[in-house]
Amino acid sequence: MTVDLTDAEKQSSKEIPHPSLQEGSSIYGSTKVFPDYQAEDGEVYFTLVHGIAHESSVSFVAILQATRALRKGFESAIYFYGPGSLNCLATRGFPTTGASAFPGEQNINTSLKTFMDEGGKVYCCRFGLSLHGAREEDLIEGVIPTHPLDVQDALIHYKRKGAIINSTYMF
């Protein structure tokens, strides 16, 4: 079946080539950042969950809390995974990246940049990006891409450092 398109529909469809990359193109690195920790006697595992940018205040508030901890003198890091990985995209904006279609559209980007500028670390799961078609090259500069197996080991790493763990989620 052939669909008739208007001139405007044809023009809109051709503005950006699709697909932008050929199938099989590598858009994610494979370096695993954290060691493969194994349990030690008596250790307990704590589950980390995630939230989506602009779907609620969960992700934004987590960034604000991490920044507050950093300013209190804590070593502070944020790890985004699953749909939470979308929080780390530099490509947010409409009609162009960096623009705000509504007040606050860039709050997450601005807050993450501030957090990193002040010494915080931001990690982002590559698999979380891939679930939503987001590319590693679209990450905010300074965000550290991580292997999917790093989620658990990052939690173990920071628990062993004695971190206060703030686990946020959205359902």
N, C-alpha and C. Protein backbone atom coordinates (compact mmCIF):
# COMPACT_ATOMS: atom_id res chain seq x y z
N MET A 1 0.83 -1.18 0.00
CA MET A 1 0.00 0.00 0.00
C MET A 1 0.89 1.25 0.00
N THR A 2 0.60 2.17 -0.83
CA THR A 2 1.34 3.42 -0.90
C THR A 2 0.56 4.52 -0.20
N VAL A 3 1.26 5.28 0.62
CA VAL A 3 0.63 6.38 1.35
C VAL A 3 0.97 7.68 0.62
N ASP A 4 -0.02 8.48 0.37
CA ASP A 4 0.21 9.78 -0.25
C ASP A 4 0.63 10.78 0.82
N LEU A 5 1.75 11.45 0.59
CA LEU A 5 2.24 12.43 1.53
C LEU A 5 2.13 13.82 0.92
N THR A 6 1.86 14.80 1.77
CA THR A 6 1.86 16.18 1.30
C THR A 6 3.30 16.61 1.09
N ASP A 7 3.50 17.72 0.42
CA ASP A 7 4.86 18.24 0.21
C ASP A 7 5.54 18.53 1.56
N ALA A 8 4.77 19.08 2.50
CA ALA A 8 5.34 19.37 3.82
C ALA A 8 5.75 18.09 4.54
N GLU A 9 4.93 17.01 4.43
CA GLU A 9 5.27 15.73 5.05
C GLU A 9 6.53 15.14 4.43
N LYS A 10 6.64 15.24 3.11
CA LYS A 10 7.84 14.75 2.41
C LYS A 10 9.07 15.53 2.85
N GLN A 11 8.94 16.86 2.91
CA GLN A 11 10.07 17.71 3.31
C GLN A 11 10.50 17.39 4.73
N SER A 12 9.53 17.27 5.64
CA SER A 12 9.84 16.96 7.03
C SER A 12 10.55 15.61 7.16
N SER A 13 10.10 14.63 6.38
CA SER A 13 10.68 13.28 6.44
C SER A 13 12.11 13.24 5.92
N LYS A 14 12.49 14.18 5.06
CA LYS A 14 13.82 14.16 4.45
C LYS A 14 14.81 15.11 5.12
N GLU A 15 14.38 15.91 6.10
CA GLU A 15 15.27 16.88 6.74
C GLU A 15 16.46 16.22 7.43
N ILE A 16 16.20 15.13 8.10
CA ILE A 16 17.25 14.37 8.78
C ILE A 16 17.25 12.97 8.19
N PRO A 17 18.40 12.50 7.69
CA PRO A 17 18.43 11.16 7.08
C PRO A 17 18.10 10.07 8.10
N HIS A 18 17.33 9.08 7.65
CA HIS A 18 16.94 7.94 8.49
C HIS A 18 17.29 6.66 7.78
N PRO A 19 17.88 5.70 8.40
CA PRO A 19 18.47 5.86 9.72
C PRO A 19 19.74 6.70 9.63
N SER A 20 20.08 7.39 10.71
CA SER A 20 21.27 8.24 10.69
C SER A 20 22.54 7.41 10.69
N LEU A 21 22.48 6.22 11.22
CA LEU A 21 23.61 5.30 11.21
C LEU A 21 23.14 3.95 10.65
N GLN A 22 24.03 3.28 9.98
CA GLN A 22 23.71 1.96 9.46
C GLN A 22 23.63 0.96 10.61
N GLU A 23 22.79 -0.04 10.48
CA GLU A 23 22.69 -1.09 11.48
C GLU A 23 24.06 -1.71 11.69
N GLY A 24 24.41 -1.95 12.93
CA GLY A 24 25.70 -2.51 13.26
C GLY A 24 26.75 -1.47 13.61
N SER A 25 26.41 -0.18 13.46
CA SER A 25 27.35 0.89 13.80
C SER A 25 27.59 0.89 15.31
N SER A 26 28.84 1.04 15.73
CA SER A 26 29.16 1.09 17.15
C SER A 26 28.98 2.51 17.65
N ILE A 27 28.08 2.68 18.62
CA ILE A 27 27.85 4.00 19.19
C ILE A 27 28.08 4.00 20.71
N TYR A 28 28.51 2.87 21.25
CA TYR A 28 28.79 2.76 22.69
C TYR A 28 30.13 2.08 22.88
N GLY A 29 30.93 2.60 23.81
CA GLY A 29 32.18 1.95 24.17
C GLY A 29 31.88 0.70 24.99
N SER A 30 32.89 -0.12 25.21
CA SER A 30 32.66 -1.36 25.96
C SER A 30 33.49 -1.45 27.24
N THR A 31 34.18 -0.36 27.60
CA THR A 31 35.01 -0.38 28.80
C THR A 31 34.17 -0.46 30.05
N LYS A 32 34.43 -1.44 30.88
CA LYS A 32 33.77 -1.56 32.18
C LYS A 32 34.61 -0.76 33.15
N VAL A 33 34.03 0.21 33.84
CA VAL A 33 34.75 1.16 34.66
C VAL A 33 35.09 0.63 36.05
N PHE A 34 34.16 -0.07 36.68
CA PHE A 34 34.36 -0.52 38.05
C PHE A 34 34.85 -1.98 38.10
N PRO A 35 35.66 -2.35 39.13
CA PRO A 35 36.08 -3.74 39.28
C PRO A 35 34.87 -4.65 39.47
N ASP A 36 35.06 -5.92 39.19
CA ASP A 36 33.99 -6.91 39.36
C ASP A 36 34.03 -7.41 40.80
N TYR A 37 33.43 -6.65 41.71
CA TYR A 37 33.46 -7.00 43.12
C TYR A 37 32.68 -8.28 43.41
N GLN A 38 33.16 -9.03 44.40
CA GLN A 38 32.48 -10.22 44.89
C GLN A 38 32.09 -9.96 46.35
N ALA A 39 31.03 -10.60 46.81
CA ALA A 39 30.55 -10.39 48.18
C ALA A 39 31.56 -10.86 49.21
N GLU A 40 31.66 -10.12 50.27
CA GLU A 40 32.45 -10.51 51.43
C GLU A 40 31.48 -10.92 52.52
N ASP A 41 31.97 -11.69 53.49
CA ASP A 41 31.11 -12.20 54.57
C ASP A 41 30.30 -11.08 55.22
N GLY A 42 29.00 -11.30 55.33
CA GLY A 42 28.13 -10.37 56.04
C GLY A 42 27.66 -9.16 55.25
N GLU A 43 28.08 -9.01 53.99
CA GLU A 43 27.65 -7.85 53.20
C GLU A 43 26.21 -8.01 52.74
N VAL A 44 25.50 -6.89 52.68
CA VAL A 44 24.11 -6.86 52.25
C VAL A 44 24.02 -6.00 51.00
N TYR A 45 23.24 -6.42 50.04
CA TYR A 45 23.08 -5.68 48.78
C TYR A 45 21.83 -4.80 48.84
N PHE A 46 21.95 -3.58 48.42
CA PHE A 46 20.86 -2.61 48.42
C PHE A 46 20.49 -2.32 46.97
N THR A 47 19.22 -2.34 46.63
CA THR A 47 18.77 -2.17 45.25
C THR A 47 18.65 -0.70 44.89
N LEU A 48 19.15 -0.35 43.75
CA LEU A 48 19.08 1.00 43.22
C LEU A 48 18.02 1.03 42.12
N VAL A 49 17.23 2.09 42.05
CA VAL A 49 16.19 2.22 41.03
C VAL A 49 16.35 3.55 40.30
N HIS A 50 15.39 3.87 39.41
CA HIS A 50 15.61 4.99 38.49
C HIS A 50 14.38 5.84 38.22
N GLY A 51 14.57 7.02 37.58
CA GLY A 51 13.48 7.92 37.24
C GLY A 51 13.74 8.62 35.92
N ILE A 52 12.69 9.06 35.28
CA ILE A 52 12.76 9.65 33.94
C ILE A 52 12.73 11.17 34.02
N ALA A 53 13.56 11.80 33.21
CA ALA A 53 13.60 13.26 33.15
C ALA A 53 12.22 13.83 32.82
N HIS A 54 11.80 14.82 33.58
CA HIS A 54 10.57 15.60 33.35
C HIS A 54 9.27 14.82 33.54
N GLU A 55 9.32 13.55 33.90
CA GLU A 55 8.08 12.80 34.14
C GLU A 55 7.62 12.98 35.58
N SER A 56 8.51 13.42 36.43
CA SER A 56 8.20 13.78 37.81
C SER A 56 9.40 14.56 38.31
N SER A 57 9.36 14.92 39.57
CA SER A 57 10.49 15.67 40.13
C SER A 57 11.59 14.75 40.68
N VAL A 58 11.40 13.44 40.62
CA VAL A 58 12.31 12.49 41.26
C VAL A 58 13.76 12.70 40.83
N SER A 59 14.02 12.71 39.54
CA SER A 59 15.41 12.84 39.06
C SER A 59 15.99 14.20 39.39
N PHE A 60 15.22 15.25 39.19
CA PHE A 60 15.70 16.61 39.45
C PHE A 60 16.03 16.79 40.93
N VAL A 61 15.15 16.32 41.80
CA VAL A 61 15.38 16.45 43.24
C VAL A 61 16.62 15.64 43.65
N ALA A 62 16.82 14.47 43.05
CA ALA A 62 18.01 13.67 43.36
C ALA A 62 19.29 14.44 43.02
N ILE A 63 19.28 15.14 41.90
CA ILE A 63 20.44 15.96 41.51
C ILE A 63 20.66 17.08 42.52
N LEU A 64 19.57 17.73 42.93
CA LEU A 64 19.68 18.81 43.92
C LEU A 64 20.22 18.28 45.25
N GLN A 65 19.77 17.09 45.67
CA GLN A 65 20.26 16.51 46.92
C GLN A 65 21.74 16.17 46.83
N ALA A 66 22.16 15.62 45.69
CA ALA A 66 23.57 15.27 45.51
C ALA A 66 24.44 16.53 45.52
N THR A 67 23.92 17.60 44.94
CA THR A 67 24.66 18.87 44.93
C THR A 67 24.76 19.44 46.34
N ARG A 68 23.69 19.32 47.10
CA ARG A 68 23.71 19.80 48.48
C ARG A 68 24.74 19.03 49.30
N ALA A 69 24.79 17.71 49.10
CA ALA A 69 25.77 16.89 49.82
C ALA A 69 27.19 17.31 49.43
N LEU A 70 27.41 17.56 48.14
CA LEU A 70 28.72 18.00 47.66
C LEU A 70 29.13 19.29 48.35
N ARG A 71 28.19 20.19 48.46
CA ARG A 71 28.46 21.49 49.08
C ARG A 71 28.65 21.38 50.59
N LYS A 72 28.21 20.27 51.19
CA LYS A 72 28.43 20.03 52.62
C LYS A 72 29.79 19.37 52.85
N GLY A 73 30.53 19.10 51.79
CA GLY A 73 31.86 18.51 51.91
C GLY A 73 31.93 17.03 51.61
N PHE A 74 30.80 16.40 51.26
CA PHE A 74 30.82 15.00 50.90
C PHE A 74 31.40 14.82 49.50
N GLU A 75 32.14 13.71 49.29
CA GLU A 75 32.43 13.25 47.93
C GLU A 75 31.08 12.77 47.40
N SER A 76 30.69 13.24 46.24
CA SER A 76 29.34 12.94 45.77
C SER A 76 29.35 12.47 44.33
N ALA A 77 28.54 11.44 44.04
CA ALA A 77 28.42 10.90 42.69
C ALA A 77 26.97 10.52 42.43
N ILE A 78 26.57 10.63 41.18
CA ILE A 78 25.22 10.26 40.75
C ILE A 78 25.37 9.20 39.66
N TYR A 79 24.57 8.12 39.73
CA TYR A 79 24.60 7.05 38.72
C TYR A 79 23.21 6.93 38.11
N PHE A 80 23.10 7.22 36.81
CA PHE A 80 21.84 7.10 36.10
C PHE A 80 21.83 5.80 35.30
N TYR A 81 20.74 5.05 35.39
CA TYR A 81 20.62 3.82 34.62
C TYR A 81 19.17 3.61 34.23
N GLY A 82 18.94 2.62 33.34
CA GLY A 82 17.59 2.40 32.82
C GLY A 82 17.09 3.69 32.19
N PRO A 83 15.80 4.00 32.33
CA PRO A 83 15.29 5.23 31.73
C PRO A 83 15.89 6.48 32.35
N GLY A 84 16.50 6.34 33.53
CA GLY A 84 17.18 7.47 34.15
C GLY A 84 18.34 7.99 33.32
N SER A 85 18.88 7.13 32.46
CA SER A 85 19.99 7.54 31.59
C SER A 85 19.62 8.72 30.71
N LEU A 86 18.34 8.86 30.41
CA LEU A 86 17.89 9.97 29.56
C LEU A 86 18.16 11.33 30.20
N ASN A 87 18.35 11.37 31.52
CA ASN A 87 18.65 12.62 32.20
C ASN A 87 19.99 13.20 31.76
N CYS A 88 20.87 12.38 31.23
CA CYS A 88 22.23 12.80 30.91
C CYS A 88 22.42 13.31 29.48
N LEU A 89 21.34 13.47 28.73
CA LEU A 89 21.46 13.85 27.33
C LEU A 89 21.65 15.35 27.14
N ALA A 90 22.65 15.71 26.35
CA ALA A 90 22.90 17.11 26.01
C ALA A 90 21.96 17.57 24.90
N THR A 91 21.25 16.64 24.29
CA THR A 91 20.41 16.95 23.13
C THR A 91 19.01 17.40 23.52
N ARG A 92 18.77 17.63 24.82
CA ARG A 92 17.45 18.10 25.26
C ARG A 92 17.21 19.51 24.74
N GLY A 93 16.00 19.80 24.33
CA GLY A 93 15.63 21.14 23.90
C GLY A 93 14.70 21.11 22.70
N PHE A 94 13.97 22.20 22.53
CA PHE A 94 13.09 22.34 21.37
C PHE A 94 12.87 23.82 21.11
N PRO A 95 12.99 24.27 19.90
CA PRO A 95 13.13 23.52 18.66
C PRO A 95 14.58 23.13 18.35
N THR A 96 15.52 23.58 19.14
CA THR A 96 16.92 23.19 18.95
C THR A 96 17.49 22.73 20.28
N THR A 97 18.59 22.00 20.26
CA THR A 97 19.22 21.56 21.50
C THR A 97 19.62 22.79 22.31
N GLY A 98 19.39 22.71 23.59
CA GLY A 98 19.72 23.82 24.48
C GLY A 98 18.62 24.85 24.63
N ALA A 99 17.65 24.84 23.73
CA ALA A 99 16.53 25.78 23.82
C ALA A 99 15.49 25.22 24.79
N SER A 100 14.67 26.10 25.33
CA SER A 100 13.62 25.66 26.26
C SER A 100 12.25 25.96 25.68
N ALA A 101 11.49 24.92 25.41
CA ALA A 101 10.12 25.07 24.93
C ALA A 101 9.19 25.45 26.08
N PHE A 102 9.62 25.18 27.32
CA PHE A 102 8.86 25.56 28.50
C PHE A 102 9.84 25.91 29.60
N PRO A 103 9.45 26.78 30.53
CA PRO A 103 10.36 27.14 31.62
C PRO A 103 10.79 25.90 32.41
N GLY A 104 12.07 25.75 32.58
CA GLY A 104 12.59 24.63 33.34
C GLY A 104 13.01 23.43 32.50
N GLU A 105 12.83 23.50 31.18
CA GLU A 105 13.20 22.35 30.35
C GLU A 105 14.68 21.99 30.49
N GLN A 106 15.52 22.98 30.75
CA GLN A 106 16.96 22.74 30.86
C GLN A 106 17.43 22.60 32.31
N ASN A 107 16.49 22.52 33.28
CA ASN A 107 16.88 22.44 34.69
C ASN A 107 17.83 21.27 34.97
N ILE A 108 17.51 20.11 34.42
CA ILE A 108 18.34 18.93 34.69
C ILE A 108 19.73 19.11 34.09
N ASN A 109 19.79 19.56 32.83
CA ASN A 109 21.09 19.76 32.19
C ASN A 109 21.93 20.78 32.96
N THR A 110 21.32 21.91 33.28
CA THR A 110 22.03 22.97 34.00
C THR A 110 22.50 22.48 35.36
N SER A 111 21.65 21.76 36.06
CA SER A 111 22.00 21.26 37.39
C SER A 111 23.10 20.21 37.34
N LEU A 112 23.08 19.33 36.33
CA LEU A 112 24.15 18.33 36.20
C LEU A 112 25.48 19.00 35.88
N LYS A 113 25.46 20.00 35.02
CA LYS A 113 26.70 20.74 34.69
C LYS A 113 27.24 21.42 35.95
N THR A 114 26.37 22.04 36.73
CA THR A 114 26.80 22.68 37.98
C THR A 114 27.41 21.65 38.92
N PHE A 115 26.73 20.51 39.07
CA PHE A 115 27.21 19.45 39.94
C PHE A 115 28.61 19.00 39.54
N MET A 116 28.82 18.78 38.25
CA MET A 116 30.15 18.34 37.78
C MET A 116 31.18 19.46 37.91
N ASP A 117 30.79 20.69 37.61
CA ASP A 117 31.71 21.84 37.74
C ASP A 117 32.19 22.00 39.18
N GLU A 118 31.36 21.61 40.14
CA GLU A 118 31.71 21.75 41.55
C GLU A 118 32.43 20.51 42.10
N GLY A 119 32.69 19.52 41.23
CA GLY A 119 33.48 18.38 41.65
C GLY A 119 32.75 17.06 41.76
N GLY A 120 31.47 17.02 41.43
CA GLY A 120 30.71 15.77 41.48
C GLY A 120 30.97 14.91 40.26
N LYS A 121 30.78 13.60 40.42
CA LYS A 121 30.91 12.66 39.31
C LYS A 121 29.53 12.20 38.87
N VAL A 122 29.34 12.09 37.56
CA VAL A 122 28.07 11.60 37.01
C VAL A 122 28.37 10.40 36.12
N TYR A 123 27.72 9.28 36.42
CA TYR A 123 27.83 8.06 35.63
C TYR A 123 26.53 7.82 34.89
N CYS A 124 26.62 7.24 33.70
CA CYS A 124 25.43 6.95 32.90
C CYS A 124 25.58 5.59 32.23
N CYS A 125 24.61 4.72 32.43
CA CYS A 125 24.64 3.38 31.87
C CYS A 125 24.39 3.38 30.36
N ARG A 126 25.30 2.79 29.63
CA ARG A 126 25.18 2.70 28.17
C ARG A 126 23.94 1.90 27.75
N PHE A 127 23.62 0.85 28.50
CA PHE A 127 22.46 0.05 28.14
C PHE A 127 21.18 0.86 28.32
N GLY A 128 21.12 1.65 29.40
CA GLY A 128 19.96 2.53 29.60
C GLY A 128 19.76 3.47 28.43
N LEU A 129 20.87 3.99 27.90
CA LEU A 129 20.78 4.83 26.70
C LEU A 129 20.22 4.04 25.53
N SER A 130 20.76 2.84 25.34
CA SER A 130 20.38 2.05 24.17
C SER A 130 18.90 1.65 24.18
N LEU A 131 18.33 1.48 25.38
CA LEU A 131 16.92 1.11 25.48
C LEU A 131 16.00 2.15 24.86
N HIS A 132 16.48 3.38 24.79
CA HIS A 132 15.67 4.49 24.31
C HIS A 132 16.22 5.11 23.03
N GLY A 133 17.17 4.44 22.40
CA GLY A 133 17.72 4.94 21.14
C GLY A 133 18.62 6.15 21.31
N ALA A 134 19.04 6.44 22.54
CA ALA A 134 19.94 7.57 22.79
C ALA A 134 21.38 7.10 22.56
N ARG A 135 22.20 8.03 22.11
CA ARG A 135 23.58 7.69 21.76
C ARG A 135 24.56 8.21 22.80
N GLU A 136 25.66 7.50 22.97
CA GLU A 136 26.69 7.91 23.92
C GLU A 136 27.24 9.29 23.55
N GLU A 137 27.35 9.57 22.29
CA GLU A 137 27.86 10.88 21.85
C GLU A 137 26.93 12.02 22.22
N ASP A 138 25.71 11.71 22.63
CA ASP A 138 24.74 12.73 23.01
C ASP A 138 24.79 13.08 24.50
N LEU A 139 25.69 12.44 25.24
CA LEU A 139 25.81 12.72 26.68
C LEU A 139 26.34 14.13 26.93
N ILE A 140 25.91 14.71 28.04
CA ILE A 140 26.45 15.99 28.49
C ILE A 140 27.95 15.79 28.71
N GLU A 141 28.75 16.75 28.28
CA GLU A 141 30.20 16.64 28.45
C GLU A 141 30.55 16.47 29.92
N GLY A 142 31.41 15.50 30.20
CA GLY A 142 31.83 15.22 31.57
C GLY A 142 31.14 14.02 32.19
N VAL A 143 30.01 13.58 31.61
CA VAL A 143 29.32 12.39 32.11
C VAL A 143 30.15 11.16 31.73
N ILE A 144 30.31 10.24 32.67
CA ILE A 144 31.13 9.04 32.46
C ILE A 144 30.23 7.89 32.05
N PRO A 145 30.36 7.41 30.79
CA PRO A 145 29.55 6.26 30.36
C PRO A 145 30.04 4.98 31.02
N THR A 146 29.08 4.11 31.38
CA THR A 146 29.43 2.88 32.09
C THR A 146 28.79 1.66 31.43
N HIS A 147 29.39 0.52 31.70
CA HIS A 147 28.92 -0.77 31.21
C HIS A 147 27.68 -1.17 32.03
N PRO A 148 26.75 -1.92 31.44
CA PRO A 148 25.57 -2.35 32.20
C PRO A 148 25.91 -3.12 33.48
N LEU A 149 27.00 -3.87 33.48
CA LEU A 149 27.37 -4.62 34.68
C LEU A 149 27.94 -3.72 35.78
N ASP A 150 28.19 -2.44 35.47
CA ASP A 150 28.72 -1.52 36.46
C ASP A 150 27.67 -1.05 37.47
N VAL A 151 26.39 -1.16 37.16
CA VAL A 151 25.36 -0.65 38.07
C VAL A 151 25.52 -1.30 39.45
N GLN A 152 25.54 -2.62 39.48
CA GLN A 152 25.66 -3.32 40.75
C GLN A 152 27.01 -3.06 41.40
N ASP A 153 28.08 -3.09 40.61
CA ASP A 153 29.42 -2.91 41.19
C ASP A 153 29.67 -1.48 41.65
N ALA A 154 29.03 -0.50 41.02
CA ALA A 154 29.14 0.87 41.51
C ALA A 154 28.49 0.98 42.89
N LEU A 155 27.35 0.34 43.04
CA LEU A 155 26.66 0.35 44.33
C LEU A 155 27.53 -0.31 45.41
N ILE A 156 28.14 -1.43 45.08
CA ILE A 156 29.04 -2.11 46.01
C ILE A 156 30.25 -1.22 46.32
N HIS A 157 30.81 -0.61 45.28
CA HIS A 157 31.98 0.27 45.42
C HIS A 157 31.70 1.40 46.42
N TYR A 158 30.58 2.10 46.21
CA TYR A 158 30.27 3.23 47.10
C TYR A 158 29.81 2.77 48.48
N LYS A 159 29.17 1.62 48.59
CA LYS A 159 28.81 1.07 49.90
C LYS A 159 30.07 0.77 50.69
N ARG A 160 31.08 0.19 50.02
CA ARG A 160 32.34 -0.15 50.70
C ARG A 160 33.11 1.10 51.10
N LYS A 161 32.85 2.19 50.42
CA LYS A 161 33.47 3.47 50.81
C LYS A 161 32.71 4.11 51.97
N GLY A 162 31.60 3.50 52.37
CA GLY A 162 30.82 4.02 53.48
C GLY A 162 29.84 5.11 53.09
N ALA A 163 29.47 5.15 51.81
CA ALA A 163 28.58 6.19 51.32
C ALA A 163 27.17 6.09 51.91
N ILE A 164 26.54 7.22 52.07
CA ILE A 164 25.09 7.27 52.30
C ILE A 164 24.48 7.04 50.93
N ILE A 165 23.62 6.08 50.80
CA ILE A 165 23.07 5.75 49.48
C ILE A 165 21.63 6.22 49.39
N ASN A 166 21.38 7.13 48.50
CA ASN A 166 20.05 7.66 48.25
C ASN A 166 19.56 7.02 46.96
N SER A 167 18.67 6.09 47.08
CA SER A 167 18.17 5.37 45.93
C SER A 167 16.78 5.91 45.55
N THR A 168 16.67 6.48 44.37
CA THR A 168 15.40 7.06 43.96
C THR A 168 14.80 6.25 42.83
N TYR A 169 13.48 6.33 42.69
CA TYR A 169 12.82 5.59 41.62
C TYR A 169 11.52 6.29 41.23
N MET A 170 11.04 5.88 40.12
CA MET A 170 9.75 6.36 39.62
C MET A 170 9.04 5.18 39.00
N PHE A 171 7.75 5.06 39.20
CA PHE A 171 7.01 3.94 38.62
C PHE A 171 5.95 4.43 37.69
